[in-house]
Each structure stands twice: as structure tokens, then as C-alpha cells.
N, C-alpha and C. Protein backbone atom coordinates (compact mmCIF):
# COMPACT_ATOMS: atom_id res chain seq x y z
N MET A 1 -24.14 12.82 -2.84
CA MET A 1 -22.93 13.54 -2.25
C MET A 1 -22.47 12.38 -1.01
N ILE A 2 -20.97 12.43 -1.72
CA ILE A 2 -20.53 11.34 -0.46
C ILE A 2 -20.46 11.91 1.14
N GLU A 3 -20.82 11.31 1.96
CA GLU A 3 -21.00 11.69 3.45
C GLU A 3 -19.86 10.87 4.04
N THR A 4 -19.81 11.88 4.90
CA THR A 4 -18.46 11.49 6.19
C THR A 4 -18.30 11.75 7.41
N ARG A 5 -17.80 11.30 8.12
CA ARG A 5 -17.67 11.64 9.67
C ARG A 5 -16.34 11.34 10.02
N LYS A 6 -15.57 12.25 11.03
CA LYS A 6 -14.41 12.25 11.14
C LYS A 6 -14.43 11.10 12.15
N LEU A 7 -13.48 11.04 11.97
CA LEU A 7 -12.36 9.31 12.76
C LEU A 7 -11.46 9.84 13.90
N PHE A 8 -10.42 10.89 13.41
CA PHE A 8 -9.70 11.56 14.20
C PHE A 8 -8.72 12.18 13.82
N THR A 9 -7.95 13.25 14.60
CA THR A 9 -6.87 13.86 14.33
C THR A 9 -5.39 13.40 14.72
N MET A 10 -4.33 12.88 13.58
CA MET A 10 -3.51 12.62 13.89
C MET A 10 -2.24 13.54 13.68
N SER A 11 -1.39 13.28 14.48
CA SER A 11 -0.15 14.00 14.73
C SER A 11 1.39 12.83 14.56
N VAL A 12 1.82 12.81 13.18
CA VAL A 12 2.88 12.02 13.51
C VAL A 12 4.21 12.80 13.86
N GLU A 13 4.85 11.95 14.52
CA GLU A 13 6.32 12.03 14.64
C GLU A 13 7.44 11.45 14.01
N VAL A 14 8.34 12.01 12.97
CA VAL A 14 9.29 11.54 12.21
C VAL A 14 10.57 11.70 12.69
N GLU A 15 11.33 10.59 12.38
CA GLU A 15 12.90 11.14 12.42
C GLU A 15 13.59 11.82 11.48
N THR A 16 14.20 12.87 11.97
CA THR A 16 14.99 13.56 10.87
C THR A 16 16.66 13.53 10.76
N PRO A 17 17.25 13.77 9.65
CA PRO A 17 17.09 13.76 8.78
C PRO A 17 16.38 12.67 8.07
N LEU A 18 15.74 12.54 6.94
CA LEU A 18 15.15 11.58 5.94
C LEU A 18 16.13 10.53 5.54
N GLN A 19 15.85 9.46 5.24
CA GLN A 19 17.10 8.51 4.84
C GLN A 19 16.65 8.56 3.58
N MET A 20 18.02 9.24 2.74
CA MET A 20 17.70 9.50 1.43
C MET A 20 18.26 8.45 0.52
N ILE A 21 17.21 7.84 -0.56
CA ILE A 21 17.90 6.65 -1.21
C ILE A 21 18.60 7.28 -2.51
N GLY A 22 17.52 7.99 -3.26
CA GLY A 22 18.12 9.08 -4.16
C GLY A 22 17.27 8.75 -5.42
N ALA A 23 18.00 9.40 -6.43
CA ALA A 23 17.33 8.99 -7.50
C ALA A 23 17.19 7.67 -8.43
N THR A 24 15.98 7.50 -8.58
CA THR A 24 15.64 5.94 -9.12
C THR A 24 15.07 6.36 -10.48
N PRO A 25 14.98 5.46 -10.98
CA PRO A 25 14.11 5.46 -12.37
C PRO A 25 12.60 6.21 -12.70
N VAL A 26 12.24 5.95 -11.19
CA VAL A 26 10.63 6.35 -11.43
C VAL A 26 10.53 7.60 -10.38
N GLY A 27 11.58 8.23 -9.93
CA GLY A 27 11.63 9.34 -9.02
C GLY A 27 12.88 9.52 -7.96
N GLU A 28 12.91 10.20 -7.06
CA GLU A 28 14.03 10.52 -5.90
C GLU A 28 13.14 9.60 -4.82
N ARG A 29 13.74 8.69 -4.14
CA ARG A 29 13.22 8.11 -3.14
C ARG A 29 13.73 8.39 -1.98
N ARG A 30 12.51 8.68 -0.68
CA ARG A 30 13.28 9.02 0.65
C ARG A 30 12.32 8.07 1.47
N ILE A 31 12.84 8.28 2.77
CA ILE A 31 11.91 7.23 3.73
C ILE A 31 12.16 8.06 4.99
N ALA A 32 10.81 8.53 5.52
CA ALA A 32 10.63 8.75 6.32
C ALA A 32 10.10 7.70 7.81
N LYS A 33 11.12 7.63 8.56
CA LYS A 33 10.82 6.70 9.88
C LYS A 33 9.90 7.03 10.74
N ILE A 34 9.06 6.57 11.25
CA ILE A 34 7.92 7.00 12.11
C ILE A 34 8.59 6.99 13.37
N THR A 35 8.38 7.84 14.49
CA THR A 35 9.10 7.75 15.93
C THR A 35 8.10 7.43 17.31
N GLY A 36 7.12 7.97 16.54
CA GLY A 36 5.51 8.10 17.65
C GLY A 36 4.43 9.17 17.42
N GLY A 37 3.95 9.62 18.22
CA GLY A 37 2.81 10.07 17.87
C GLY A 37 1.55 9.95 18.59
N THR A 38 0.28 10.77 18.08
CA THR A 38 -0.86 10.82 18.73
C THR A 38 -1.87 10.56 17.71
N PHE A 39 -3.29 10.13 17.85
CA PHE A 39 -4.54 10.21 17.73
C PHE A 39 -5.23 10.67 18.23
N GLU A 40 -6.97 11.12 17.96
CA GLU A 40 -7.60 11.43 19.14
C GLU A 40 -8.77 11.75 18.39
N GLY A 41 -9.83 11.10 18.55
CA GLY A 41 -11.30 11.62 17.69
C GLY A 41 -11.99 11.50 19.13
N SER A 42 -13.95 11.32 18.75
CA SER A 42 -14.76 11.06 20.07
C SER A 42 -14.69 9.59 20.08
N GLU A 43 -14.35 8.57 19.46
CA GLU A 43 -14.46 7.24 19.71
C GLU A 43 -13.27 6.59 19.58
N LEU A 44 -12.39 7.27 19.32
CA LEU A 44 -10.84 6.49 19.26
C LEU A 44 -9.66 7.39 19.30
N LYS A 45 -8.74 7.13 20.70
CA LYS A 45 -7.66 7.78 20.60
C LYS A 45 -6.79 7.15 21.51
N GLY A 46 -5.46 7.61 20.73
CA GLY A 46 -4.31 6.43 21.62
C GLY A 46 -2.93 7.23 20.78
N ARG A 47 -1.88 6.44 20.68
CA ARG A 47 -0.65 6.94 20.33
C ARG A 47 -0.22 6.04 19.00
N ILE A 48 0.73 6.98 18.54
CA ILE A 48 1.40 5.65 17.35
C ILE A 48 2.63 5.29 17.83
N LEU A 49 2.63 3.49 17.27
CA LEU A 49 4.05 3.23 17.95
C LEU A 49 5.28 3.55 16.97
N PRO A 50 6.38 3.50 17.81
CA PRO A 50 7.46 3.68 16.82
C PRO A 50 7.56 2.35 15.60
N GLY A 51 7.95 2.70 14.53
CA GLY A 51 8.54 1.57 13.76
C GLY A 51 7.75 1.61 12.43
N GLY A 52 7.04 2.54 11.97
CA GLY A 52 6.36 2.44 11.02
C GLY A 52 7.07 3.45 9.81
N GLY A 53 6.53 3.75 8.68
CA GLY A 53 7.43 4.70 8.08
C GLY A 53 6.39 4.97 6.81
N ASP A 54 6.99 6.06 6.16
CA ASP A 54 6.58 6.26 5.16
C ASP A 54 7.35 6.53 3.95
N TRP A 55 7.24 5.57 2.49
CA TRP A 55 8.58 5.43 1.56
C TRP A 55 7.74 6.53 0.58
N LEU A 56 8.30 7.61 0.67
CA LEU A 56 7.93 8.66 -0.20
C LEU A 56 8.59 8.67 -1.20
N LEU A 57 7.98 9.01 -2.33
CA LEU A 57 8.80 9.38 -3.82
C LEU A 57 8.41 10.59 -4.33
N LEU A 58 9.48 11.15 -4.63
CA LEU A 58 9.19 12.51 -5.43
C LEU A 58 9.53 12.41 -6.97
N ARG A 59 8.09 12.73 -7.33
CA ARG A 59 7.92 12.20 -9.12
C ARG A 59 8.69 13.52 -9.82
N ALA A 60 8.84 13.10 -10.99
CA ALA A 60 9.85 14.37 -11.90
C ALA A 60 9.27 15.54 -12.03
N ASP A 61 7.68 15.40 -11.80
CA ASP A 61 6.46 16.53 -12.00
C ASP A 61 6.11 17.16 -10.72
N GLY A 62 6.99 17.06 -9.43
CA GLY A 62 6.84 18.03 -8.23
C GLY A 62 6.07 16.94 -7.48
N VAL A 63 5.27 16.06 -7.29
CA VAL A 63 4.21 15.80 -6.74
C VAL A 63 5.36 14.58 -5.97
N LEU A 64 4.80 14.80 -4.18
CA LEU A 64 5.44 13.68 -3.58
C LEU A 64 4.66 12.79 -3.28
N LYS A 65 4.87 11.52 -3.50
CA LYS A 65 3.77 10.32 -3.31
C LYS A 65 3.61 9.61 -2.17
N LEU A 66 2.91 9.34 -1.15
CA LEU A 66 3.20 8.80 0.40
C LEU A 66 2.65 7.57 -0.25
N ASP A 67 3.49 6.57 0.80
CA ASP A 67 3.10 5.22 0.76
C ASP A 67 3.42 4.70 2.43
N VAL A 68 2.51 4.75 3.64
CA VAL A 68 2.81 5.31 4.72
C VAL A 68 2.20 3.57 5.01
N ARG A 69 2.94 3.14 6.11
CA ARG A 69 2.08 2.20 7.10
C ARG A 69 2.56 2.58 8.63
N ALA A 70 1.59 2.44 9.36
CA ALA A 70 1.87 2.40 11.21
C ALA A 70 1.17 1.94 11.70
N THR A 71 1.40 1.50 12.99
CA THR A 71 0.50 1.09 14.12
C THR A 71 0.43 1.59 15.09
N LEU A 72 -1.29 1.93 15.37
CA LEU A 72 -1.78 2.58 16.41
C LEU A 72 -2.06 2.00 17.62
N GLU A 73 -2.07 2.43 18.81
CA GLU A 73 -2.66 1.50 19.81
C GLU A 73 -3.26 2.47 20.24
N THR A 74 -4.66 2.31 20.63
CA THR A 74 -5.53 3.02 21.32
C THR A 74 -5.72 3.05 22.66
N ASP A 75 -6.52 4.15 23.54
CA ASP A 75 -5.89 4.05 24.91
C ASP A 75 -6.26 2.61 25.80
N ASP A 76 -6.90 1.91 25.11
CA ASP A 76 -7.51 0.48 25.99
C ASP A 76 -6.41 -0.82 25.33
N GLY A 77 -5.54 -0.05 24.86
CA GLY A 77 -4.63 -1.10 24.17
C GLY A 77 -4.59 -2.26 22.54
N THR A 78 -5.51 -1.65 22.40
CA THR A 78 -5.68 -2.63 20.99
C THR A 78 -4.95 -2.25 19.78
N LEU A 79 -4.54 -2.91 19.07
CA LEU A 79 -3.45 -2.41 18.02
C LEU A 79 -4.24 -2.59 16.77
N ILE A 80 -3.83 -1.06 16.02
CA ILE A 80 -4.48 -1.30 14.53
C ILE A 80 -3.48 -0.90 13.69
N TYR A 81 -3.21 -1.53 12.38
CA TYR A 81 -2.67 -1.88 11.50
C TYR A 81 -3.26 -0.24 10.46
N MET A 82 -2.49 0.50 10.26
CA MET A 82 -3.17 1.57 9.39
C MET A 82 -2.11 1.65 8.20
N THR A 83 -2.77 1.92 7.25
CA THR A 83 -1.73 2.04 5.54
C THR A 83 -2.87 3.29 5.49
N TYR A 84 -1.95 4.23 4.54
CA TYR A 84 -2.42 4.99 3.54
C TYR A 84 -1.47 5.51 2.78
N ARG A 85 -1.99 6.02 1.63
CA ARG A 85 -1.37 6.46 0.36
C ARG A 85 -2.19 8.15 0.00
N GLY A 86 -1.10 8.97 -0.44
CA GLY A 86 -1.39 10.16 -0.86
C GLY A 86 -0.62 10.62 -1.35
N TYR A 87 -0.95 11.87 -1.82
CA TYR A 87 -0.25 13.07 -2.40
C TYR A 87 -0.29 14.24 -1.89
N ARG A 88 1.22 14.86 -1.93
CA ARG A 88 1.08 16.36 -1.38
C ARG A 88 2.36 17.26 -2.53
N HIS A 89 1.57 18.33 -2.74
CA HIS A 89 1.87 18.93 -4.09
C HIS A 89 1.88 20.36 -3.63
N GLY A 90 2.70 21.67 -4.68
CA GLY A 90 1.81 22.70 -4.67
C GLY A 90 3.13 23.50 -5.75
N PRO A 91 3.04 24.76 -5.21
CA PRO A 91 3.75 25.33 -6.22
C PRO A 91 5.54 25.53 -5.43
N ALA A 92 6.28 25.38 -6.20
CA ALA A 92 7.57 25.04 -6.16
C ALA A 92 8.09 25.97 -4.99
N ALA A 93 7.84 27.17 -4.84
CA ALA A 93 8.21 28.11 -3.75
C ALA A 93 7.77 27.59 -2.22
N VAL A 94 6.60 26.92 -2.06
CA VAL A 94 5.67 26.55 -1.48
C VAL A 94 6.66 25.03 -0.77
N MET A 95 6.60 24.08 -1.64
CA MET A 95 7.41 22.96 -1.34
C MET A 95 8.56 23.12 -0.77
N GLU A 96 9.36 23.92 -1.15
CA GLU A 96 10.81 24.29 -0.62
C GLU A 96 10.51 25.06 1.03
N ARG A 97 9.27 25.91 1.24
CA ARG A 97 9.80 26.44 2.36
C ARG A 97 9.21 25.17 3.47
N LEU A 98 8.29 24.28 2.81
CA LEU A 98 7.78 23.30 3.53
C LEU A 98 9.22 22.56 4.03
N ASP A 99 9.97 22.16 2.50
CA ASP A 99 10.97 20.96 3.07
C ASP A 99 12.01 21.69 3.68
N LYS A 100 11.92 22.84 3.85
CA LYS A 100 12.76 23.48 5.22
C LYS A 100 12.54 23.51 6.30
N GLY A 101 11.47 23.39 6.72
CA GLY A 101 10.56 23.25 7.66
C GLY A 101 9.79 24.10 8.64
N ILE A 102 9.67 25.14 7.31
CA ILE A 102 9.06 26.98 7.45
C ILE A 102 8.10 26.68 7.43
N LYS A 103 7.28 26.96 8.44
CA LYS A 103 5.59 26.84 8.65
C LYS A 103 4.95 27.67 7.28
N VAL A 104 3.85 26.43 7.08
CA VAL A 104 3.15 27.20 5.54
C VAL A 104 1.65 26.84 5.79
N ASP A 105 0.74 27.74 5.12
CA ASP A 105 -0.60 28.21 5.93
C ASP A 105 -0.96 26.40 4.38
N PRO A 106 -1.82 26.00 5.03
CA PRO A 106 -2.02 24.31 4.73
C PRO A 106 -2.92 24.58 3.45
N SER A 107 -3.54 25.64 3.22
CA SER A 107 -4.52 26.41 1.88
C SER A 107 -3.31 26.63 0.90
N GLU A 108 -2.11 26.31 0.89
CA GLU A 108 -1.23 27.23 -0.16
C GLU A 108 -0.46 25.76 -1.13
N TYR A 109 -1.34 24.75 -0.27
CA TYR A 109 -0.58 23.32 -0.81
C TYR A 109 -1.65 21.90 -1.15
N TYR A 110 -1.65 21.19 -1.95
CA TYR A 110 -2.47 19.93 -1.27
C TYR A 110 -1.85 19.01 -0.92
N PHE A 111 -2.57 18.40 -0.04
CA PHE A 111 -2.35 17.16 1.10
C PHE A 111 -3.24 16.61 1.14
N ARG A 112 -3.39 15.12 0.56
CA ARG A 112 -4.70 14.14 0.81
C ARG A 112 -4.08 12.96 0.60
N VAL A 113 -5.11 12.27 1.57
CA VAL A 113 -4.44 10.72 1.85
C VAL A 113 -5.81 9.88 1.77
N THR A 114 -5.90 8.58 1.42
CA THR A 114 -6.59 7.55 1.37
C THR A 114 -6.51 6.46 2.70
N SER A 115 -6.98 5.95 3.21
CA SER A 115 -6.49 5.29 4.34
C SER A 115 -7.10 3.66 4.56
N PHE A 116 -6.75 2.92 5.18
CA PHE A 116 -7.55 1.26 5.62
C PHE A 116 -6.57 0.81 6.58
N PHE A 117 -7.57 0.33 7.34
CA PHE A 117 -7.16 -0.30 8.71
C PHE A 117 -7.20 -1.85 8.84
N GLU A 118 -6.70 -2.56 9.67
CA GLU A 118 -6.62 -3.95 10.19
C GLU A 118 -6.65 -4.14 11.41
N THR A 119 -7.71 -4.53 12.41
CA THR A 119 -7.17 -4.93 13.51
C THR A 119 -8.16 -6.31 14.18
N VAL A 120 -8.07 -6.77 14.86
CA VAL A 120 -8.36 -7.82 15.68
C VAL A 120 -9.56 -7.29 16.83
N GLY A 121 -9.14 -6.55 17.30
CA GLY A 121 -9.94 -5.41 18.28
C GLY A 121 -11.54 -5.67 17.86
N GLU A 122 -12.42 -6.63 18.64
CA GLU A 122 -13.72 -6.24 18.11
C GLU A 122 -14.61 -4.88 18.53
N LYS A 123 -13.89 -4.27 19.38
CA LYS A 123 -14.56 -2.90 19.47
C LYS A 123 -14.28 -2.05 18.23
N TYR A 124 -13.48 -2.23 17.62
CA TYR A 124 -13.01 -1.68 16.55
C TYR A 124 -13.38 -2.32 15.19
N SER A 125 -13.57 -3.26 15.21
CA SER A 125 -13.93 -4.19 13.69
C SER A 125 -14.48 -3.39 12.81
N ARG A 126 -15.45 -2.45 12.84
CA ARG A 126 -15.36 -1.81 11.62
C ARG A 126 -14.48 -1.27 10.77
N LEU A 127 -13.95 -0.44 11.75
CA LEU A 127 -12.59 -0.14 10.84
C LEU A 127 -12.00 -0.95 9.64
N ASN A 128 -12.16 -2.75 9.84
CA ASN A 128 -11.92 -3.39 8.97
C ASN A 128 -12.53 -3.38 7.55
N ARG A 129 -13.81 -2.74 7.81
CA ARG A 129 -15.00 -2.39 6.49
C ARG A 129 -14.80 -0.90 6.43
N THR A 130 -13.73 -0.23 6.82
CA THR A 130 -14.03 1.26 6.24
C THR A 130 -12.86 1.91 5.56
N ILE A 131 -13.59 2.63 4.35
CA ILE A 131 -12.43 3.27 3.98
C ILE A 131 -12.48 4.85 4.82
N ALA A 132 -11.55 5.43 4.58
CA ALA A 132 -11.25 6.92 5.03
C ALA A 132 -10.33 7.56 4.37
N VAL A 133 -10.81 9.17 4.60
CA VAL A 133 -9.83 9.87 3.89
C VAL A 133 -9.18 10.86 4.39
N GLY A 134 -8.04 11.72 3.71
CA GLY A 134 -7.72 12.64 4.98
C GLY A 134 -7.17 13.74 4.21
N LYS A 135 -6.95 14.96 4.92
CA LYS A 135 -6.01 16.24 4.82
C LYS A 135 -5.53 16.50 5.52
N GLY A 136 -4.22 16.43 5.01
CA GLY A 136 -2.81 17.30 5.58
C GLY A 136 -2.40 18.43 5.57
N HIS A 137 -1.52 18.53 6.87
CA HIS A 137 -0.64 19.75 6.82
C HIS A 137 0.59 19.41 7.30
N ARG A 138 1.60 19.70 7.08
CA ARG A 138 3.02 19.63 7.80
C ARG A 138 3.59 20.59 8.55
N LEU A 139 4.24 20.31 9.49
CA LEU A 139 4.96 20.69 10.74
C LEU A 139 6.10 20.61 10.77
N LYS A 140 6.92 20.73 11.40
CA LYS A 140 8.58 21.04 11.29
C LYS A 140 8.07 19.14 12.06
N SER A 141 8.08 18.76 13.05
CA SER A 141 8.00 17.77 13.83
C SER A 141 7.43 16.25 13.04
N GLY A 142 6.94 17.00 12.03
CA GLY A 142 6.02 15.72 11.09
C GLY A 142 4.41 16.56 10.55
N PRO A 143 4.01 15.01 9.87
CA PRO A 143 2.39 15.55 9.10
C PRO A 143 1.22 15.48 10.09
N VAL A 144 0.61 16.22 10.07
CA VAL A 144 -0.91 16.57 10.85
C VAL A 144 -1.82 15.63 10.04
N TYR A 145 -2.75 15.14 10.26
CA TYR A 145 -3.85 14.65 9.51
C TYR A 145 -5.35 14.71 10.18
N GLU A 146 -6.34 15.06 9.41
CA GLU A 146 -7.80 15.20 10.23
C GLU A 146 -8.44 13.83 8.99
N ILE A 147 -9.09 12.80 9.36
CA ILE A 147 -9.22 11.37 9.09
C ILE A 147 -10.62 11.35 9.04
N TYR A 148 -11.03 11.17 8.26
CA TYR A 148 -12.71 11.10 7.84
C TYR A 148 -12.97 9.50 7.46
N GLN A 149 -14.19 9.06 7.73
CA GLN A 149 -14.63 7.99 7.46
C GLN A 149 -15.79 8.10 6.24
N ILE A 150 -15.54 7.43 4.97
CA ILE A 150 -16.32 7.59 4.25
C ILE A 150 -17.66 6.98 4.56
N LEU A 151 -19.03 7.18 4.76
CA LEU A 151 -20.33 6.63 5.46
C LEU A 151 -20.88 5.80 4.00
């Protein structure tokens, strides 16, 4: 059995409306610009700096593919580069409610990510060797993730 330990809860704020690139040969491309946010766990907390983004791809099968890059700043000033990829999908009616900003119970859809980190901060250097996974849900302001380290 795979063991995990919670790293933090992360609330991401994104600019609306999303930047719509449109239908490409591989799906509908959208870009969500990160405007801020917060993260907090027992050993790690701080804010998400503006400037990151999610290069979303809505595939023909209805799966939303996430490709995110963000900069975290811990409460002691250390910068951490975080990347994560994942999928969000569910019944069409549920996804339509999410797209309209309507609150949807997270149990009604699948929203998972895998995360990697880079930092020069000695205090957080273990993150450079960590694979993390997360479970997300969507609020009107942006996604919220529970991020867990794979032990």
C-alpha cells in the first residue's frame, strides 16, 4: 500500500474570464492566469504569487487536462516552483455546472493531480526529491487542492 503524508491545502485564485485560444487539433485550449492564492500545512505555508498559469486542454472525450506552473512563497520568504498535471472530468451536466461557477459536490466529479517541486531553500530541499499527489475541487474563485507527499 502506498503511504502518504499531507503537505498542504492550496487555494488558487485565477483571472476570469479565462483566455480562450480555441479549438486546436488536439482539443480546446484555454489558459487560466494565476492571480494569487494561499497554501497551508503543518510544516509549510504561505502565498501563491501572481504570474503562474494553467494551460488547460479540453479533450474531445470531455476530460479537462491540466498543466500548471506556479511560484509559492513560504511565510519565511523561500520561493518554491511547483508544477502539476492532472485531469478533471465527470458527467456532462456536472461539468456544465462547474463551468458556470455553480458549487458542485466534489464527489460528483474526478479531479486529481501529480505535483513536483523545485527550490533552493535548504529548509525545504526535501521537496526537490518529492512526488506529490492531490485531490481537487473547484470554487468560483479557482481550484482548491489537498496535496499529499508520496512516502
